Amino acid sequence: MDISDLKEILRILEAQDITEFELEQDGVKLRVCRNSAALAPAAGKAVTTLSPTATVTPAALLAPAAEAAAAAAQPAENGTLVKSPIVGTFYQAADPNSPPFVSVGDRVKVGQVLCIIEAMKLMNEIEAEVAGEIARIHPENGQPVQYGDPLFTVRPD
């Protein structure tokens, strides 16, 4: 984990409302805690200890997976709104030379890959939770997305 990864984690943490998070990767342990009582005027200060263990306070991380799944597809005015379950970068195709997974007007089936969201160098496939027609693609290719941002509007069959 390098400093840019840590900065990205902190950016994500500041945008969410989680009180504790812990990550262990390649022998480095990162623990993030937020104490609501201690978030008064000094809340903007972060403490880091760089050793095999890194501690960062105060902050938060991504919403729990259960919340992400529940918010991923919600009814919209002209169809079902597929929302981002994570913070990352939206990609319409597996790589720059490949065609997009879906385009406006395409018919999709449940479980079909709609896009990829890259988060911390991991590629996360976002699948259709409803069958129907792609009515709208909200973000541009390569655009950053936040948790809960609209990705697609799907008109159900």
C-alpha atoms as a PDB file:
ATOM      1  CA  MET A   1       0.000   0.000   0.000  1.00  0.00           C
ATOM      2  CA  ASP A   2       1.515   3.331  -1.007  1.00  0.00           C
ATOM      3  CA  ILE A   3       0.691   6.902  -0.013  1.00  0.00           C
ATOM      4  CA  SER A   4      -1.708   7.397  -2.956  1.00  0.00           C
ATOM      5  CA  ASP A   5      -3.694   4.340  -1.833  1.00  0.00           C
ATOM      6  CA  LEU A   6      -3.830   5.729   1.698  1.00  0.00           C
ATOM      7  CA  LYS A   7      -4.990   9.127   0.429  1.00  0.00           C
ATOM      8  CA  GLU A   8      -7.718   7.438  -1.647  1.00  0.00           C
ATOM      9  CA  ILE A   9      -8.885   5.442   1.378  1.00  0.00           C
ATOM     10  CA  LEU A  10      -9.008   8.613   3.466  1.00  0.00           C
ATOM     11  CA  ARG A  11     -10.975  10.426   0.736  1.00  0.00           C
ATOM     12  CA  ILE A  12     -13.502   7.577   0.669  1.00  0.00           C
ATOM     13  CA  LEU A  13     -13.632   7.483   4.445  1.00  0.00           C
ATOM     14  CA  GLU A  14     -14.474  11.149   4.743  1.00  0.00           C
ATOM     15  CA  ALA A  15     -17.508  10.682   2.465  1.00  0.00           C
ATOM     16  CA  GLN A  16     -19.128   7.832   4.444  1.00  0.00           C
ATOM     17  CA  ASP A  17     -20.592   7.406   7.927  1.00  0.00           C
ATOM     18  CA  ILE A  18     -18.935   4.222   9.246  1.00  0.00           C
ATOM     19  CA  THR A  19     -17.351   4.235  12.705  1.00  0.00           C
ATOM     20  CA  GLU A  20     -14.737   1.467  12.318  1.00  0.00           C
ATOM     21  CA  PHE A  21     -12.840  -0.323   9.532  1.00  0.00           C
ATOM     22  CA  GLU A  22      -9.872  -2.690   9.464  1.00  0.00           C
ATOM     23  CA  LEU A  23      -7.828  -3.952   6.475  1.00  0.00           C
ATOM     24  CA  GLU A  24      -4.829  -6.283   6.396  1.00  0.00           C
ATOM     25  CA  GLN A  25      -2.926  -6.615   3.124  1.00  0.00           C
ATOM     26  CA  ASP A  26       0.603  -7.828   2.388  1.00  0.00           C
ATOM     27  CA  GLY A  27       1.578  -7.740   6.056  1.00  0.00           C
ATOM     28  CA  VAL A  28       0.338  -4.162   6.545  1.00  0.00           C
ATOM     29  CA  LYS A  29      -2.606  -3.651   8.852  1.00  0.00           C
ATOM     30  CA  LEU A  30      -4.747  -0.526   8.509  1.00  0.00           C
ATOM     31  CA  ARG A  31      -7.284   0.263  11.201  1.00  0.00           C
ATOM     32  CA  VAL A  32      -9.591   3.246  10.912  1.00  0.00           C
ATOM     33  CA  CYS A  33     -11.766   4.402  13.811  1.00  0.00           C
ATOM     34  CA  ARG A  34     -14.006   7.379  14.328  1.00  0.00           C
ATOM     35  CA  ASN A  35     -15.075   8.428  17.797  1.00  0.00           C
ATOM     36  CA  SER A  36     -18.177  10.602  17.463  1.00  0.00           C
ATOM     37  CA  ALA A  37     -17.494  12.271  20.844  1.00  0.00           C
ATOM     38  CA  ALA A  38     -13.996  13.289  19.713  1.00  0.00           C
ATOM     39  CA  LEU A  39     -15.119  14.772  16.384  1.00  0.00           C
ATOM     40  CA  ALA A  40     -15.406  18.313  17.702  1.00  0.00           C
ATOM     41  CA  PRO A  41     -13.042  21.048  16.397  1.00  0.00           C
ATOM     42  CA  ALA A  42     -10.006  18.741  16.062  1.00  0.00           C
ATOM     43  CA  ALA A  43     -11.871  16.299  13.817  1.00  0.00           C
ATOM     44  CA  GLY A  44      -9.802  17.105  10.751  1.00  0.00           C
ATOM     45  CA  LYS A  45      -6.571  15.715  12.210  1.00  0.00           C
ATOM     46  CA  ALA A  46      -5.457  12.220  11.257  1.00  0.00           C
ATOM     47  CA  VAL A  47      -2.851  10.200  13.115  1.00  0.00           C
ATOM     48  CA  THR A  48      -0.800   7.631  11.227  1.00  0.00           C
ATOM     49  CA  THR A  49       1.745   5.215  12.557  1.00  0.00           C
ATOM     50  CA  LEU A  50       3.767   3.572   9.828  1.00  0.00           C
ATOM     51  CA  SER A  51       5.103   0.231  10.870  1.00  0.00           C
ATOM     52  CA  PRO A  52       3.611  -3.154  10.123  1.00  0.00           C
ATOM     53  CA  THR A  53       0.473  -1.531  11.600  1.00  0.00           C
ATOM     54  CA  ALA A  54      -1.018   1.763  10.411  1.00  0.00           C
ATOM     55  CA  THR A  55      -3.672   3.570  12.455  1.00  0.00           C
ATOM     56  CA  VAL A  56      -5.715   6.392  10.970  1.00  0.00           C
ATOM     57  CA  THR A  57      -8.224   8.393  13.030  1.00  0.00           C
ATOM     58  CA  PRO A  58     -10.902   9.800  12.489  1.00  0.00           C
ATOM     59  CA  ALA A  59     -12.492   8.419   9.334  1.00  0.00           C
ATOM     60  CA  ALA A  60     -14.922   5.880   7.928  1.00  0.00           C
ATOM     61  CA  LEU A  61     -15.116   3.560   4.922  1.00  0.00           C
ATOM     62  CA  LEU A  62     -17.588   2.078   2.497  1.00  0.00           C
ATOM     63  CA  ALA A  63     -21.138   1.168   3.457  1.00  0.00           C
ATOM     64  CA  PRO A  64     -21.669  -2.457   4.471  1.00  0.00           C
ATOM     65  CA  ALA A  65     -22.272  -4.939   1.659  1.00  0.00           C
ATOM     66  CA  ALA A  66     -25.881  -5.505   2.739  1.00  0.00           C
ATOM     67  CA  GLU A  67     -26.672  -1.811   2.307  1.00  0.00           C
ATOM     68  CA  ALA A  68     -24.868  -1.760  -1.043  1.00  0.00           C
ATOM     69  CA  ALA A  69     -26.903  -4.680  -2.366  1.00  0.00           C
ATOM     70  CA  ALA A  70     -30.168  -3.136  -1.185  1.00  0.00           C
ATOM     71  CA  ALA A  71     -29.375   0.206  -2.829  1.00  0.00           C
ATOM     72  CA  ALA A  72     -27.970  -1.218  -6.069  1.00  0.00           C
ATOM     73  CA  ALA A  73     -31.285  -1.324  -7.959  1.00  0.00           C
ATOM     74  CA  GLN A  74     -34.170   0.954  -7.055  1.00  0.00           C
ATOM     75  CA  PRO A  75     -37.307   1.877  -9.001  1.00  0.00           C
ATOM     76  CA  ALA A  76     -36.929   5.069 -11.034  1.00  0.00           C
ATOM     77  CA  GLU A  77     -39.409   7.239 -12.880  1.00  0.00           C
ATOM     78  CA  ASN A  78     -38.965   5.510 -16.270  1.00  0.00           C
ATOM     79  CA  GLY A  79     -37.474   2.233 -15.117  1.00  0.00           C
ATOM     80  CA  THR A  80     -35.220   0.740 -12.494  1.00  0.00           C
ATOM     81  CA  LEU A  81     -32.261   2.805 -11.395  1.00  0.00           C
ATOM     82  CA  VAL A  82     -29.067   0.769 -10.979  1.00  0.00           C
ATOM     83  CA  LYS A  83     -26.870   2.546  -8.439  1.00  0.00           C
ATOM     84  CA  SER A  84     -23.189   2.150  -7.679  1.00  0.00           C
ATOM     85  CA  PRO A  85     -22.628  -0.197  -4.743  1.00  0.00           C
ATOM     86  CA  ILE A  86     -19.067   1.148  -4.246  1.00  0.00           C
ATOM     87  CA  VAL A  87     -16.825   4.163  -4.761  1.00  0.00           C
ATOM     88  CA  GLY A  88     -14.525   3.886  -7.772  1.00  0.00           C
ATOM     89  CA  THR A  89     -14.052   4.562 -11.478  1.00  0.00           C
ATOM     90  CA  PHE A  90     -16.809   3.585 -13.951  1.00  0.00           C
ATOM     91  CA  TYR A  91     -15.773   1.672 -17.081  1.00  0.00           C
ATOM     92  CA  GLN A  92     -18.147   0.601 -19.867  1.00  0.00           C
ATOM     93  CA  ALA A  93     -15.791  -2.091 -21.216  1.00  0.00           C
ATOM     94  CA  ALA A  94     -13.260  -4.616 -19.934  1.00  0.00           C
ATOM     95  CA  ASP A  95     -10.426  -2.702 -21.637  1.00  0.00           C
ATOM     96  CA  PRO A  96     -10.059   0.294 -23.983  1.00  0.00           C
ATOM     97  CA  ASN A  97     -10.037  -1.932 -27.108  1.00  0.00           C
ATOM     98  CA  SER A  98     -13.175  -3.901 -26.210  1.00  0.00           C
ATOM     99  CA  PRO A  99     -16.746  -2.919 -27.058  1.00  0.00           C
ATOM    100  CA  PRO A 100     -18.915  -1.669 -24.170  1.00  0.00           C
ATOM    101  CA  PHE A 101     -20.752  -4.283 -22.116  1.00  0.00           C
ATOM    102  CA  VAL A 102     -24.068  -2.523 -22.894  1.00  0.00           C
ATOM    103  CA  SER A 103     -25.349   0.460 -24.848  1.00  0.00           C
ATOM    104  CA  VAL A 104     -28.572   2.438 -24.695  1.00  0.00           C
ATOM    105  CA  GLY A 105     -31.319   0.356 -26.302  1.00  0.00           C
ATOM    106  CA  ASP A 106     -29.689  -3.011 -25.491  1.00  0.00           C
ATOM    107  CA  ARG A 107     -31.801  -5.696 -23.814  1.00  0.00           C
ATOM    108  CA  VAL A 108     -30.221  -7.178 -20.688  1.00  0.00           C
ATOM    109  CA  LYS A 109     -30.877 -10.269 -18.592  1.00  0.00           C
ATOM    110  CA  VAL A 110     -30.572 -10.672 -14.836  1.00  0.00           C
ATOM    111  CA  GLY A 111     -26.929 -11.373 -14.005  1.00  0.00           C
ATOM    112  CA  GLN A 112     -25.560  -9.845 -17.217  1.00  0.00           C
ATOM    113  CA  VAL A 113     -22.495  -7.618 -16.689  1.00  0.00           C
ATOM    114  CA  LEU A 114     -23.352  -3.947 -17.236  1.00  0.00           C
ATOM    115  CA  CYS A 115     -20.032  -2.293 -16.399  1.00  0.00           C
ATOM    116  CA  ILE A 116     -16.914  -2.450 -14.261  1.00  0.00           C
ATOM    117  CA  ILE A 117     -16.122  -0.223 -11.318  1.00  0.00           C
ATOM    118  CA  GLU A 118     -12.454  -0.093 -10.410  1.00  0.00           C
ATOM    119  CA  ALA A 119     -11.862   0.413  -6.718  1.00  0.00           C
ATOM    120  CA  MET A 120      -8.346   0.298  -5.270  1.00  0.00           C
ATOM    121  CA  LYS A 121      -6.998  -1.510  -8.348  1.00  0.00           C
ATOM    122  CA  LEU A 122      -9.712  -4.196  -8.148  1.00  0.00           C
ATOM    123  CA  MET A 123     -12.136  -4.575 -11.049  1.00  0.00           C
ATOM    124  CA  ASN A 124     -15.701  -5.115  -9.793  1.00  0.00           C
ATOM    125  CA  GLU A 125     -18.282  -6.333 -12.315  1.00  0.00           C
ATOM    126  CA  ILE A 126     -21.702  -4.745 -11.815  1.00  0.00           C
ATOM    127  CA  GLU A 127     -24.498  -7.061 -12.957  1.00  0.00           C
ATOM    128  CA  ALA A 128     -28.111  -6.391 -13.926  1.00  0.00           C
ATOM    129  CA  GLU A 129     -30.573  -7.168 -11.174  1.00  0.00           C
ATOM    130  CA  VAL A 130     -33.560  -6.785 -13.493  1.00  0.00           C
ATOM    131  CA  ALA A 131     -34.202  -7.831 -17.104  1.00  0.00           C
ATOM    132  CA  GLY A 132     -35.109  -5.071 -19.520  1.00  0.00           C
ATOM    133  CA  GLU A 133     -33.851  -2.396 -21.883  1.00  0.00           C
ATOM    134  CA  ILE A 134     -31.025   0.035 -21.094  1.00  0.00           C
ATOM    135  CA  ALA A 135     -32.760   3.417 -21.185  1.00  0.00           C
ATOM    136  CA  ARG A 136     -29.845   5.547 -20.002  1.00  0.00           C
ATOM    137  CA  ILE A 137     -26.186   5.280 -19.015  1.00  0.00           C
ATOM    138  CA  HIS A 138     -25.578   7.989 -16.413  1.00  0.00           C
ATOM    139  CA  PRO A 139     -21.774   8.347 -15.970  1.00  0.00           C
ATOM    140  CA  GLU A 140     -19.238   8.836 -18.725  1.00  0.00           C
ATOM    141  CA  ASN A 141     -16.607   6.158 -19.313  1.00  0.00           C
ATOM    142  CA  GLY A 142     -13.682   6.669 -16.915  1.00  0.00           C
ATOM    143  CA  GLN A 143     -15.701   8.936 -14.620  1.00  0.00           C
ATOM    144  CA  PRO A 144     -15.374   8.574 -10.830  1.00  0.00           C
ATOM    145  CA  VAL A 145     -18.562   7.405  -9.095  1.00  0.00           C
ATOM    146  CA  GLN A 146     -19.578   7.490  -5.452  1.00  0.00           C
ATOM    147  CA  TYR A 147     -21.612   4.991  -3.450  1.00  0.00           C
ATOM    148  CA  GLY A 148     -25.254   5.364  -4.502  1.00  0.00           C
ATOM    149  CA  ASP A 149     -24.585   7.303  -7.729  1.00  0.00           C
ATOM    150  CA  PRO A 150     -26.893   6.287 -10.600  1.00  0.00           C
ATOM    151  CA  LEU A 151     -25.196   4.101 -13.210  1.00  0.00           C
ATOM    152  CA  PHE A 152     -28.024   2.908 -15.470  1.00  0.00           C
ATOM    153  CA  THR A 153     -31.755   3.262 -15.931  1.00  0.00           C
ATOM    154  CA  VAL A 154     -33.273  -0.071 -17.041  1.00  0.00           C
ATOM    155  CA  ARG A 155     -36.858  -0.289 -18.351  1.00  0.00           C
ATOM    156  CA  PRO A 156     -38.076  -3.659 -17.027  1.00  0.00           C
ATOM    157  CA  ASP A 157     -39.612  -6.205 -19.429  1.00  0.00           C
END
